[in-house]
Amino acid sequence: MTFGEPIRLDPIHAAWNTVASFGTYEEAQEAVDRLSDAGFPVENIDIIGSDLRLVERVTGRLTKGGAAAAGAASGAWFGLFIGLLVGLFTSGPVWLGLIVGGLAIGAVWGAVFGFVGHAATGGRRDFASKRTLTATRYDIVARGGHADEARQVLNTAAPVAPAAPAGQSV
C-alpha cells in the first residue's frame, strides 16, 4: 500500500496549503468530516498538530509498598501468561497447578522488582504520574493543489450545531 508523495512538513509549504486551523483535534476532525460529506477527496488532507506540549499529571504519592503492589500485579499477569503457555502442553490437574504457580511466582518476583526498582531511585521520584502529548493547534493541510477547493467547500458547507449542555435543549 502506497500513500503517494511524501508529506512535506516545512512551514512555507504548510502555510500555502493550510485550509483551516482549530484549537482542538475534534474540531479539525469535524471539518474533515464535513469535507468528506461534501464529496471532497479527503485522501489529499492531513491534520497536523503543532506547538506540542508534554503534560504530566501527578496521580498520587508512590511508596515502596505501592511500587511493590504495582510490580506484583504486573508480575502476576506475566506469570499467568507463562502458566497458560506452558499449560498448553499439559492436561489434567497439573494444568491448574501451572496456572496458579505461574501466577504466584510472577506476583512474588514482580513485587521484588517493583520494590527494589523504587528503592533504587533513592526518593528522587516519589510520585506516580501519567504523561500526555497534546497540541495547541491543529491545521488542516491540503496536498496536490486542493487547498483553495477545500477552503471553498468548508466555507459553503453548513457547520454542525454544537451539542447542548446536559439537561438543556437546543
Protein backbone atom coordinates (compact mmCIF):
# COMPACT_ATOMS: atom_id res chain seq x y z
CA MET A 1 0.00 0.00 0.00
CA THR A 2 1.47 3.34 -1.01
CA PHE A 3 0.43 6.79 0.05
CA GLY A 4 1.66 8.81 -2.92
CA GLU A 5 4.00 11.72 -2.48
CA PRO A 6 5.87 12.10 0.82
CA ILE A 7 4.42 14.61 3.30
CA ARG A 8 6.25 17.93 3.41
CA LEU A 9 6.22 19.50 6.86
CA ASP A 10 8.22 22.66 6.16
CA PRO A 11 6.46 25.86 7.35
CA ILE A 12 6.33 27.53 3.91
CA HIS A 13 4.60 24.58 2.26
CA ALA A 14 2.14 24.24 5.14
CA ALA A 15 1.35 27.99 5.15
CA TRP A 16 0.40 27.99 1.48
CA ASN A 17 -1.66 24.83 1.77
CA THR A 18 -3.31 25.32 5.16
CA VAL A 19 -7.07 25.14 4.75
CA ALA A 20 -8.08 25.96 8.33
CA SER A 21 -6.75 25.90 11.90
CA PHE A 22 -8.56 24.67 15.00
CA GLY A 23 -7.98 24.65 18.73
CA THR A 24 -8.95 21.02 19.27
CA TYR A 25 -8.49 17.80 17.37
CA GLU A 26 -12.23 17.15 17.48
CA GLU A 27 -12.93 20.43 15.63
CA ALA A 28 -10.37 19.55 12.94
CA GLN A 29 -11.84 16.06 12.64
CA GLU A 30 -15.34 17.55 12.28
CA ALA A 31 -14.11 19.84 9.48
CA VAL A 32 -12.57 16.91 7.60
CA ASP A 33 -15.84 15.02 8.07
CA ARG A 34 -17.71 17.97 6.52
CA LEU A 35 -15.29 17.89 3.58
CA SER A 36 -15.92 14.17 3.19
CA ASP A 37 -19.70 14.64 3.38
CA ALA A 38 -19.43 17.25 0.61
CA GLY A 39 -17.61 14.78 -1.65
CA PHE A 40 -14.16 16.39 -1.33
CA PRO A 41 -11.26 13.95 -1.96
CA VAL A 42 -10.15 13.73 1.69
CA GLU A 43 -7.20 11.49 0.79
CA ASN A 44 -5.46 14.80 -0.03
CA ILE A 45 -5.92 16.14 3.53
CA ASP A 46 -3.63 15.97 6.57
CA ILE A 47 -4.39 17.04 10.13
CA ILE A 48 -1.19 18.40 11.64
CA GLY A 49 -0.86 19.11 15.37
CA SER A 50 1.52 21.99 16.14
CA ASP A 51 3.09 23.52 19.24
CA LEU A 52 3.29 20.25 21.12
CA ARG A 53 3.30 20.13 24.91
CA LEU A 54 4.11 17.33 27.27
CA VAL A 55 1.61 17.35 30.13
CA GLU A 56 2.46 15.18 33.12
CA ARG A 57 -0.45 14.74 35.51
CA VAL A 58 0.62 13.65 39.00
CA THR A 59 -1.78 10.95 40.16
CA GLY A 60 -0.51 10.39 43.68
CA ARG A 61 2.30 9.57 46.04
CA LEU A 62 4.39 6.49 45.27
CA THR A 63 5.69 4.48 48.23
CA LYS A 64 7.85 1.39 48.30
CA GLY A 65 4.76 -0.63 49.23
CA GLY A 66 2.80 0.88 46.34
CA ALA A 67 5.63 0.12 43.93
CA ALA A 68 5.78 -3.46 45.23
CA ALA A 69 2.00 -3.84 44.82
CA ALA A 70 2.10 -2.49 41.25
CA GLY A 71 5.03 -4.81 40.50
CA ALA A 72 3.13 -7.76 41.98
CA ALA A 73 0.11 -7.05 39.79
CA SER A 74 2.27 -6.73 36.69
CA GLY A 75 4.24 -9.84 37.56
CA ALA A 76 1.06 -11.81 38.21
CA TRP A 77 -0.15 -11.07 34.68
CA PHE A 78 3.19 -12.17 33.25
CA GLY A 79 3.18 -15.32 35.40
CA LEU A 80 -0.38 -16.10 34.30
CA PHE A 81 0.69 -15.77 30.66
CA ILE A 82 3.67 -18.10 31.18
CA GLY A 83 1.47 -20.56 33.09
CA LEU A 84 -1.07 -20.61 30.27
CA LEU A 85 1.66 -21.01 27.67
CA VAL A 86 3.27 -23.95 29.46
CA GLY A 87 -0.19 -25.31 30.30
CA LEU A 88 -0.92 -25.79 26.61
CA PHE A 89 1.34 -28.85 26.70
CA THR A 90 -0.20 -30.50 29.79
CA SER A 91 -3.54 -31.92 30.79
CA GLY A 92 -5.46 -32.82 33.91
CA PRO A 93 -4.96 -31.24 37.33
CA VAL A 94 -1.35 -30.34 36.51
CA TRP A 95 -2.71 -27.61 34.24
CA LEU A 96 -4.36 -25.78 37.14
CA GLY A 97 -1.17 -26.09 39.20
CA LEU A 98 0.85 -24.48 36.40
CA ILE A 99 -1.59 -21.59 36.18
CA VAL A 100 -1.66 -20.94 39.93
CA GLY A 101 2.10 -21.49 40.26
CA GLY A 102 2.88 -19.12 37.40
CA LEU A 103 0.56 -16.51 38.88
CA ALA A 104 2.12 -16.77 42.36
CA ILE A 105 5.74 -16.84 41.21
CA GLY A 106 5.13 -13.93 38.83
CA ALA A 107 3.50 -11.89 41.61
CA VAL A 108 6.38 -12.53 44.02
CA TRP A 109 9.09 -11.65 41.51
CA GLY A 110 7.12 -8.63 40.30
CA ALA A 111 6.79 -7.36 43.88
CA VAL A 112 10.52 -7.84 44.47
CA PHE A 113 11.48 -5.99 41.29
CA GLY A 114 8.93 -3.22 41.95
CA PHE A 115 10.24 -2.68 45.48
CA VAL A 116 13.93 -2.80 44.51
CA GLY A 117 13.38 -0.60 41.47
CA HIS A 118 11.66 2.10 43.51
CA ALA A 119 14.18 1.85 46.36
CA ALA A 120 17.00 2.30 43.82
CA THR A 121 15.74 5.79 42.93
CA GLY A 122 16.69 6.99 46.39
CA GLY A 123 13.49 9.02 46.79
CA ARG A 124 14.10 11.17 43.70
CA ARG A 125 10.70 10.29 42.23
CA ASP A 126 8.21 9.51 44.96
CA PHE A 127 5.10 10.15 42.88
CA ALA A 128 3.11 8.40 40.20
CA SER A 129 2.05 10.25 37.05
CA LYS A 130 0.62 9.90 33.57
CA ARG A 131 2.10 11.71 30.57
CA THR A 132 0.15 13.07 27.62
CA LEU A 133 1.39 14.75 24.46
CA THR A 134 -1.01 17.47 23.30
CA ALA A 135 -1.01 20.07 20.54
CA THR A 136 -2.22 23.64 20.96
CA ARG A 137 -3.27 23.97 17.31
CA TYR A 138 -4.47 21.58 14.62
CA ASP A 139 -4.08 22.62 10.98
CA ILE A 140 -5.88 21.02 8.08
CA VAL A 141 -3.41 20.99 5.20
CA ALA A 142 -4.35 20.06 1.61
CA ARG A 143 -1.91 18.39 -0.76
CA GLY A 144 -1.84 18.37 -4.52
CA GLY A 145 -3.20 21.87 -5.11
CA HIS A 146 -6.55 21.22 -3.41
CA ALA A 147 -6.28 23.93 -0.71
CA ASP A 148 -8.50 26.54 -2.41
CA GLU A 149 -11.14 23.94 -3.23
CA ALA A 150 -11.13 22.68 0.37
CA ARG A 151 -11.46 26.24 1.75
CA GLN A 152 -14.41 26.86 -0.56
CA VAL A 153 -16.13 23.62 0.49
CA LEU A 154 -15.64 24.42 4.19
CA ASN A 155 -16.97 27.95 3.74
CA THR A 156 -20.12 26.72 1.98
CA ALA A 157 -20.75 23.54 4.00
CA ALA A 158 -23.15 24.09 6.88
CA PRO A 159 -21.32 23.73 10.20
CA VAL A 160 -22.68 21.17 12.62
CA ALA A 161 -24.56 22.74 15.55
CA PRO A 162 -22.73 22.31 18.87
CA ALA A 163 -24.22 19.85 21.33
CA ALA A 164 -26.35 21.35 24.11
CA PRO A 165 -25.08 21.02 27.68
CA ALA A 166 -26.61 18.20 29.69
CA GLY A 167 -30.13 18.98 30.85
CA GLN A 168 -30.78 21.68 28.23
CA SER A 169 -32.42 21.51 24.84
CA VAL A 170 -31.32 23.37 21.74
